[in-house]
PDB file of N, CA and C in Angstrom:
ATOM      1  N   UNK A   1      41.972   5.570  -5.114  1.00  0.00           N
ATOM      2  CA  UNK A   1      40.728   5.299  -5.817  1.00  0.00           C
ATOM      3  C   UNK A   1      40.466   6.410  -6.829  1.00  0.00           C
ATOM      4  N   UNK A   2      40.050   6.014  -8.007  1.00  0.00           N
ATOM      5  CA  UNK A   2      39.698   7.021  -9.000  1.00  0.00           C
ATOM      6  C   UNK A   2      38.185   7.229  -9.006  1.00  0.00           C
ATOM      7  N   UNK A   3      37.704   8.068  -9.906  1.00  0.00           N
ATOM      8  CA  UNK A   3      36.277   8.403  -9.943  1.00  0.00           C
ATOM      9  C   UNK A   3      35.407   7.183 -10.253  1.00  0.00           C
ATOM     10  N   UNK A   4      35.877   6.297 -11.091  1.00  0.00           N
ATOM     11  CA  UNK A   4      35.110   5.096 -11.421  1.00  0.00           C
ATOM     12  C   UNK A   4      34.931   4.209 -10.191  1.00  0.00           C
ATOM     13  N   UNK A   5      35.981   4.062  -9.394  1.00  0.00           N
ATOM     14  CA  UNK A   5      35.884   3.270  -8.161  1.00  0.00           C
ATOM     15  C   UNK A   5      34.914   3.906  -7.180  1.00  0.00           C
ATOM     16  N   UNK A   6      34.982   5.222  -7.046  1.00  0.00           N
ATOM     17  CA  UNK A   6      34.070   5.931  -6.146  1.00  0.00           C
ATOM     18  C   UNK A   6      32.624   5.781  -6.606  1.00  0.00           C
ATOM     19  N   UNK A   7      32.396   5.878  -7.912  1.00  0.00           N
ATOM     20  CA  UNK A   7      31.045   5.721  -8.449  1.00  0.00           C
ATOM     21  C   UNK A   7      30.535   4.300  -8.217  1.00  0.00           C
ATOM     22  N   UNK A   8      31.394   3.318  -8.427  1.00  0.00           N
ATOM     23  CA  UNK A   8      31.012   1.928  -8.214  1.00  0.00           C
ATOM     24  C   UNK A   8      30.656   1.685  -6.745  1.00  0.00           C
ATOM     25  N   UNK A   9      31.477   2.196  -5.827  1.00  0.00           N
ATOM     26  CA  UNK A   9      31.198   2.036  -4.395  1.00  0.00           C
ATOM     27  C   UNK A   9      29.881   2.697  -4.020  1.00  0.00           C
ATOM     28  N   UNK A  10      29.645   3.887  -4.569  1.00  0.00           N
ATOM     29  CA  UNK A  10      28.398   4.589  -4.282  1.00  0.00           C
ATOM     30  C   UNK A  10      27.195   3.803  -4.806  1.00  0.00           C
ATOM     31  N   UNK A  11      27.315   3.267  -6.006  1.00  0.00           N
ATOM     32  CA  UNK A  11      26.235   2.472  -6.587  1.00  0.00           C
ATOM     33  C   UNK A  11      25.959   1.221  -5.761  1.00  0.00           C
ATOM     34  N   UNK A  12      26.997   0.540  -5.315  1.00  0.00           N
ATOM     35  CA  UNK A  12      26.831  -0.664  -4.505  1.00  0.00           C
ATOM     36  C   UNK A  12      26.185  -0.342  -3.162  1.00  0.00           C
ATOM     37  N   UNK A  13      26.573   0.770  -2.559  1.00  0.00           N
ATOM     38  CA  UNK A  13      25.993   1.190  -1.290  1.00  0.00           C
ATOM     39  C   UNK A  13      24.501   1.491  -1.464  1.00  0.00           C
ATOM     40  N   UNK A  14      24.159   2.206  -2.545  1.00  0.00           N
ATOM     41  CA  UNK A  14      22.765   2.522  -2.837  1.00  0.00           C
ATOM     42  C   UNK A  14      21.951   1.248  -3.063  1.00  0.00           C
ATOM     43  N   UNK A  15      22.488   0.312  -3.836  1.00  0.00           N
ATOM     44  CA  UNK A  15      21.799  -0.945  -4.104  1.00  0.00           C
ATOM     45  C   UNK A  15      21.579  -1.746  -2.822  1.00  0.00           C
ATOM     46  N   UNK A  16      22.582  -1.803  -1.960  1.00  0.00           N
ATOM     47  CA  UNK A  16      22.451  -2.514  -0.686  1.00  0.00           C
ATOM     48  C   UNK A  16      21.365  -1.894   0.179  1.00  0.00           C
ATOM     49  N   UNK A  17      21.315  -0.571   0.225  1.00  0.00           N
ATOM     50  CA  UNK A  17      20.295   0.112   1.019  1.00  0.00           C
ATOM     51  C   UNK A  17      18.905  -0.117   0.441  1.00  0.00           C
ATOM     52  N   UNK A  18      18.785  -0.106  -0.887  1.00  0.00           N
ATOM     53  CA  UNK A  18      17.491  -0.332  -1.525  1.00  0.00           C
ATOM     54  C   UNK A  18      16.991  -1.753  -1.263  1.00  0.00           C
ATOM     55  N   UNK A  19      17.891  -2.737  -1.343  1.00  0.00           N
ATOM     56  CA  UNK A  19      17.494  -4.120  -1.064  1.00  0.00           C
ATOM     57  C   UNK A  19      17.088  -4.299   0.389  1.00  0.00           C
ATOM     58  N   UNK A  20      17.810  -3.675   1.309  1.00  0.00           N
ATOM     59  CA  UNK A  20      17.467  -3.769   2.730  1.00  0.00           C
ATOM     60  C   UNK A  20      16.108  -3.134   2.989  1.00  0.00           C
ATOM     61  N   UNK A  21      15.843  -1.998   2.356  1.00  0.00           N
ATOM     62  CA  UNK A  21      14.545  -1.339   2.529  1.00  0.00           C
ATOM     63  C   UNK A  21      13.413  -2.202   1.981  1.00  0.00           C
ATOM     64  N   UNK A  22      13.652  -2.866   0.863  1.00  0.00           N
ATOM     65  CA  UNK A  22      12.631  -3.743   0.286  1.00  0.00           C
ATOM     66  C   UNK A  22      12.332  -4.915   1.207  1.00  0.00           C
ATOM     67  N   UNK A  23      13.360  -5.480   1.814  1.00  0.00           N
ATOM     68  CA  UNK A  23      13.141  -6.606   2.731  1.00  0.00           C
ATOM     69  C   UNK A  23      12.303  -6.188   3.922  1.00  0.00           C
ATOM     70  N   UNK A  24      12.561  -5.010   4.478  1.00  0.00           N
ATOM     71  CA  UNK A  24      11.790  -4.578   5.643  1.00  0.00           C
ATOM     72  C   UNK A  24      10.378  -4.179   5.244  1.00  0.00           C
ATOM     73  N   UNK A  25      10.209  -3.673   4.033  1.00  0.00           N
ATOM     74  CA  UNK A  25       8.886  -3.259   3.581  1.00  0.00           C
ATOM     75  C   UNK A  25       7.977  -4.468   3.379  1.00  0.00           C
ATOM     76  N   UNK A  26       8.518  -5.541   2.823  1.00  0.00           N
ATOM     77  CA  UNK A  26       7.700  -6.729   2.588  1.00  0.00           C
ATOM     78  C   UNK A  26       7.535  -7.550   3.851  1.00  0.00           C
ATOM     79  N   UNK A  27       8.278  -7.187   4.884  1.00  0.00           N
ATOM     80  CA  UNK A  27       8.175  -7.920   6.133  1.00  0.00           C
ATOM     81  C   UNK A  27       8.861  -9.258   6.037  1.00  0.00           C
ATOM     82  N   UNK A  28       8.452 -10.131   6.830  1.00  0.00           N
ATOM     83  CA  UNK A  28       9.013 -11.461   6.854  1.00  0.00           C
ATOM     84  C   UNK A  28       8.182 -12.283   7.806  1.00  0.00           C
ATOM     85  N   UNK A  29       8.545 -13.497   7.942  1.00  0.00           N
ATOM     86  CA  UNK A  29       7.814 -14.345   8.871  1.00  0.00           C
ATOM     87  C   UNK A  29       8.095 -13.908  10.303  1.00  0.00           C
ATOM     88  N   UNK A  30       7.081 -13.934  11.087  1.00  0.00           N
ATOM     89  CA  UNK A  30       7.212 -13.622  12.503  1.00  0.00           C
ATOM     90  C   UNK A  30       6.696 -14.806  13.303  1.00  0.00           C
ATOM     91  N   UNK A  31       7.267 -15.026  14.449  1.00  0.00           N
ATOM     92  CA  UNK A  31       6.837 -16.136  15.306  1.00  0.00           C
ATOM     93  C   UNK A  31       5.377 -15.935  15.700  1.00  0.00           C
ATOM     94  N   UNK A  32       4.577 -16.979  15.519  1.00  0.00           N
ATOM     95  CA  UNK A  32       3.155 -16.912  15.850  1.00  0.00           C
ATOM     96  C   UNK A  32       2.753 -17.980  16.864  1.00  0.00           C
ATOM     97  N   UNK A  33       3.732 -18.712  17.378  1.00  0.00           N
ATOM     98  CA  UNK A  33       3.432 -19.744  18.359  1.00  0.00           C
ATOM     99  C   UNK A  33       3.135 -21.098  17.759  1.00  0.00           C
ATOM    100  N   UNK A  34       3.214 -21.191  16.433  1.00  0.00           N
ATOM    101  CA  UNK A  34       3.026 -22.475  15.765  1.00  0.00           C
ATOM    102  C   UNK A  34       3.883 -22.497  14.499  1.00  0.00           C
ATOM    103  N   UNK A  35       4.090 -23.674  13.985  1.00  0.00           N
ATOM    104  CA  UNK A  35       4.902 -23.848  12.785  1.00  0.00           C
ATOM    105  C   UNK A  35       4.188 -23.211  11.589  1.00  0.00           C
ATOM    106  N   UNK A  36       4.889 -22.428  10.810  1.00  0.00           N
ATOM    107  CA  UNK A  36       4.296 -21.793   9.635  1.00  0.00           C
ATOM    108  C   UNK A  36       3.981 -22.801   8.542  1.00  0.00           C
ATOM    109  N   UNK A  37       4.557 -23.984   8.588  1.00  0.00           N
ATOM    110  CA  UNK A  37       4.309 -24.985   7.554  1.00  0.00           C
ATOM    111  C   UNK A  37       3.179 -25.939   7.945  1.00  0.00           C
ATOM    112  N   UNK A  38       3.311 -26.609   9.083  1.00  0.00           N
ATOM    113  CA  UNK A  38       2.334 -27.651   9.433  1.00  0.00           C
ATOM    114  C   UNK A  38       1.342 -27.225  10.510  1.00  0.00           C
ATOM    115  N   UNK A  39       1.616 -26.117  11.188  1.00  0.00           N
ATOM    116  CA  UNK A  39       0.691 -25.637  12.208  1.00  0.00           C
ATOM    117  C   UNK A  39       0.915 -26.210  13.587  1.00  0.00           C
ATOM    118  N   UNK A  40       1.894 -27.079  13.754  1.00  0.00           N
ATOM    119  CA  UNK A  40       2.185 -27.685  15.050  1.00  0.00           C
ATOM    120  C   UNK A  40       2.551 -26.595  16.064  1.00  0.00           C
ATOM    121  N   UNK A  41       1.869 -26.598  17.210  1.00  0.00           N
ATOM    122  CA  UNK A  41       2.137 -25.601  18.242  1.00  0.00           C
ATOM    123  C   UNK A  41       2.850 -26.206  19.444  1.00  0.00           C
ATOM    124  N   UNK A  42       3.140 -27.480  19.382  1.00  0.00           N
ATOM    125  CA  UNK A  42       3.735 -28.192  20.501  1.00  0.00           C
ATOM    126  C   UNK A  42       5.218 -27.851  20.652  1.00  0.00           C
ATOM    127  N   UNK A  43       5.584 -27.213  21.761  1.00  0.00           N
ATOM    128  CA  UNK A  43       6.980 -26.925  22.112  1.00  0.00           C
ATOM    129  C   UNK A  43       7.742 -26.190  21.009  1.00  0.00           C
ATOM    130  N   UNK A  44       7.103 -25.183  20.383  1.00  0.00           N
ATOM    131  CA  UNK A  44       7.784 -24.466  19.304  1.00  0.00           C
ATOM    132  C   UNK A  44       8.405 -23.166  19.799  1.00  0.00           C
ATOM    133  N   UNK A  45       7.861 -22.596  20.859  1.00  0.00           N
ATOM    134  CA  UNK A  45       8.425 -21.369  21.411  1.00  0.00           C
ATOM    135  C   UNK A  45       8.371 -20.226  20.413  1.00  0.00           C
ATOM    136  N   UNK A  46       9.493 -19.558  20.213  1.00  0.00           N
ATOM    137  CA  UNK A  46       9.577 -18.418  19.301  1.00  0.00           C
ATOM    138  C   UNK A  46      10.140 -18.797  17.935  1.00  0.00           C
ATOM    139  N   UNK A  47      10.255 -20.094  17.663  1.00  0.00           N
ATOM    140  CA  UNK A  47      10.761 -20.526  16.361  1.00  0.00           C
ATOM    141  C   UNK A  47       9.682 -20.361  15.298  1.00  0.00           C
ATOM    142  N   UNK A  48      10.091 -20.326  14.041  1.00  0.00           N
ATOM    143  CA  UNK A  48       9.153 -20.193  12.932  1.00  0.00           C
ATOM    144  C   UNK A  48       8.647 -21.539  12.435  1.00  0.00           C
ATOM    145  N   UNK A  49       9.491 -22.570  12.557  1.00  0.00           N
ATOM    146  CA  UNK A  49       9.159 -23.905  12.056  1.00  0.00           C
ATOM    147  C   UNK A  49       9.509 -24.962  13.097  1.00  0.00           C
ATOM    148  N   UNK A  50       8.869 -26.122  12.976  1.00  0.00           N
ATOM    149  CA  UNK A  50       9.136 -27.253  13.877  1.00  0.00           C
ATOM    150  C   UNK A  50      10.585 -27.713  13.759  1.00  0.00           C
ATOM    151  N   UNK A  51      11.008 -27.903  12.511  1.00  0.00           N
ATOM    152  CA  UNK A  51      12.334 -28.456  12.243  1.00  0.00           C
ATOM    153  C   UNK A  51      12.789 -28.024  10.856  1.00  0.00           C
ATOM    154  N   UNK A  52      13.935 -28.501  10.456  1.00  0.00           N
ATOM    155  CA  UNK A  52      14.487 -28.104   9.161  1.00  0.00           C
ATOM    156  C   UNK A  52      13.660 -28.648   7.993  1.00  0.00           C
ATOM    157  N   UNK A  53      12.994 -29.773   8.178  1.00  0.00           N
ATOM    158  CA  UNK A  53      12.148 -30.310   7.105  1.00  0.00           C
ATOM    159  C   UNK A  53      10.969 -29.390   6.819  1.00  0.00           C
ATOM    160  N   UNK A  54      10.320 -28.911   7.873  1.00  0.00           N
ATOM    161  CA  UNK A  54       9.202 -27.979   7.687  1.00  0.00           C
ATOM    162  C   UNK A  54       9.692 -26.672   7.070  1.00  0.00           C
ATOM    163  N   UNK A  55      10.856 -26.197   7.489  1.00  0.00           N
ATOM    164  CA  UNK A  55      11.410 -24.972   6.919  1.00  0.00           C
ATOM    165  C   UNK A  55      11.681 -25.151   5.431  1.00  0.00           C
ATOM    166  N   UNK A  56      12.272 -26.286   5.048  1.00  0.00           N
ATOM    167  CA  UNK A  56      12.562 -26.552   3.640  1.00  0.00           C
ATOM    168  C   UNK A  56      11.279 -26.687   2.828  1.00  0.00           C
ATOM    169  N   UNK A  57      10.272 -27.366   3.386  1.00  0.00           N
ATOM    170  CA  UNK A  57       8.988 -27.506   2.699  1.00  0.00           C
ATOM    171  C   UNK A  57       8.350 -26.137   2.466  1.00  0.00           C
ATOM    172  N   UNK A  58       8.362 -25.289   3.491  1.00  0.00           N
ATOM    173  CA  UNK A  58       7.773 -23.962   3.371  1.00  0.00           C
ATOM    174  C   UNK A  58       8.507 -23.137   2.319  1.00  0.00           C
ATOM    175  N   UNK A  59       9.838 -23.187   2.313  1.00  0.00           N
ATOM    176  CA  UNK A  59      10.638 -22.451   1.327  1.00  0.00           C
ATOM    177  C   UNK A  59      10.275 -22.895  -0.088  1.00  0.00           C
ATOM    178  N   UNK A  60      10.146 -24.203  -0.298  1.00  0.00           N
ATOM    179  CA  UNK A  60       9.795 -24.732  -1.614  1.00  0.00           C
ATOM    180  C   UNK A  60       8.410 -24.248  -2.041  1.00  0.00           C
ATOM    181  N   UNK A  61       7.439 -24.358  -1.143  1.00  0.00           N
ATOM    182  CA  UNK A  61       6.080 -23.930  -1.458  1.00  0.00           C
ATOM    183  C   UNK A  61       6.016 -22.426  -1.695  1.00  0.00           C
ATOM    184  N   UNK A  62       6.769 -21.657  -0.908  1.00  0.00           N
ATOM    185  CA  UNK A  62       6.783 -20.215  -1.072  1.00  0.00           C
ATOM    186  C   UNK A  62       7.375 -19.828  -2.424  1.00  0.00           C
ATOM    187  N   UNK A  63       8.435 -20.513  -2.839  1.00  0.00           N
ATOM    188  CA  UNK A  63       9.030 -20.209  -4.142  1.00  0.00           C
ATOM    189  C   UNK A  63       8.053 -20.531  -5.273  1.00  0.00           C
ATOM    190  N   UNK A  64       7.292 -21.603  -5.142  1.00  0.00           N
ATOM    191  CA  UNK A  64       6.271 -21.928  -6.146  1.00  0.00           C
ATOM    192  C   UNK A  64       5.174 -20.873  -6.175  1.00  0.00           C
ATOM    193  N   UNK A  65       4.709 -20.449  -4.990  1.00  0.00           N
ATOM    194  CA  UNK A  65       3.677 -19.408  -4.927  1.00  0.00           C
ATOM    195  C   UNK A  65       4.156 -18.130  -5.611  1.00  0.00           C
ATOM    196  N   UNK A  66       5.398 -17.752  -5.348  1.00  0.00           N
ATOM    197  CA  UNK A  66       5.936 -16.525  -5.950  1.00  0.00           C
ATOM    198  C   UNK A  66       6.006 -16.651  -7.473  1.00  0.00           C
ATOM    199  N   UNK A  67       6.445 -17.796  -7.972  1.00  0.00           N
ATOM    200  CA  UNK A  67       6.536 -17.997  -9.424  1.00  0.00           C
ATOM    201  C   UNK A  67       5.159 -17.944 -10.079  1.00  0.00           C
ATOM    202  N   UNK A  68       4.163 -18.460  -9.371  1.00  0.00           N
ATOM    203  CA  UNK A  68       2.800 -18.491  -9.923  1.00  0.00           C
ATOM    204  C   UNK A  68       2.034 -17.203  -9.646  1.00  0.00           C
ATOM    205  N   UNK A  69       2.619 -16.313  -8.853  1.00  0.00           N
ATOM    206  CA  UNK A  69       1.968 -15.042  -8.551  1.00  0.00           C
ATOM    207  C   UNK A  69       0.857 -15.161  -7.518  1.00  0.00           C
ATOM    208  N   UNK A  70       0.918 -16.194  -6.686  1.00  0.00           N
ATOM    209  CA  UNK A  70      -0.096 -16.397  -5.652  1.00  0.00           C
ATOM    210  C   UNK A  70       0.348 -15.753  -4.347  1.00  0.00           C
ATOM    211  N   UNK A  71      -0.617 -15.385  -3.541  1.00  0.00           N
ATOM    212  CA  UNK A  71      -0.299 -14.811  -2.235  1.00  0.00           C
ATOM    213  C   UNK A  71      -0.051 -15.912  -1.232  1.00  0.00           C
ATOM    214  N   UNK A  72       0.757 -15.606  -0.239  1.00  0.00           N
ATOM    215  CA  UNK A  72       1.041 -16.563   0.830  1.00  0.00           C
ATOM    216  C   UNK A  72      -0.206 -16.735   1.690  1.00  0.00           C
ATOM    217  N   UNK A  73      -0.435 -17.937   2.201  1.00  0.00           N
ATOM    218  CA  UNK A  73      -1.594 -18.161   3.079  1.00  0.00           C
ATOM    219  C   UNK A  73      -1.422 -17.378   4.373  1.00  0.00           C
ATOM    220  N   UNK A  74      -2.525 -16.933   4.934  1.00  0.00           N
ATOM    221  CA  UNK A  74      -2.510 -16.172   6.179  1.00  0.00           C
ATOM    222  C   UNK A  74      -2.678 -17.130   7.348  1.00  0.00           C
ATOM    223  N   UNK A  75      -1.794 -17.005   8.347  1.00  0.00           N
ATOM    224  CA  UNK A  75      -1.890 -17.859   9.540  1.00  0.00           C
ATOM    225  C   UNK A  75      -2.499 -17.084  10.661  1.00  0.00           C
TER     226      UNK A  75
END
């Protein structure tokens, strides 16, 4: 490896660490005992959503909120 390869590896490592830190800083969804999309609490356990449809709906709505600069609803 030459100096350019070492610099590139160092830059990639730094970028990966910065992205990981950003993800933990902003948090993420945590299990609340009900579906984050529809609110269904029936037999959900520690899952975030009822099913894949609710997960996809939430992802779509979240992407729209982010584009519009709106905050996520609080559950």
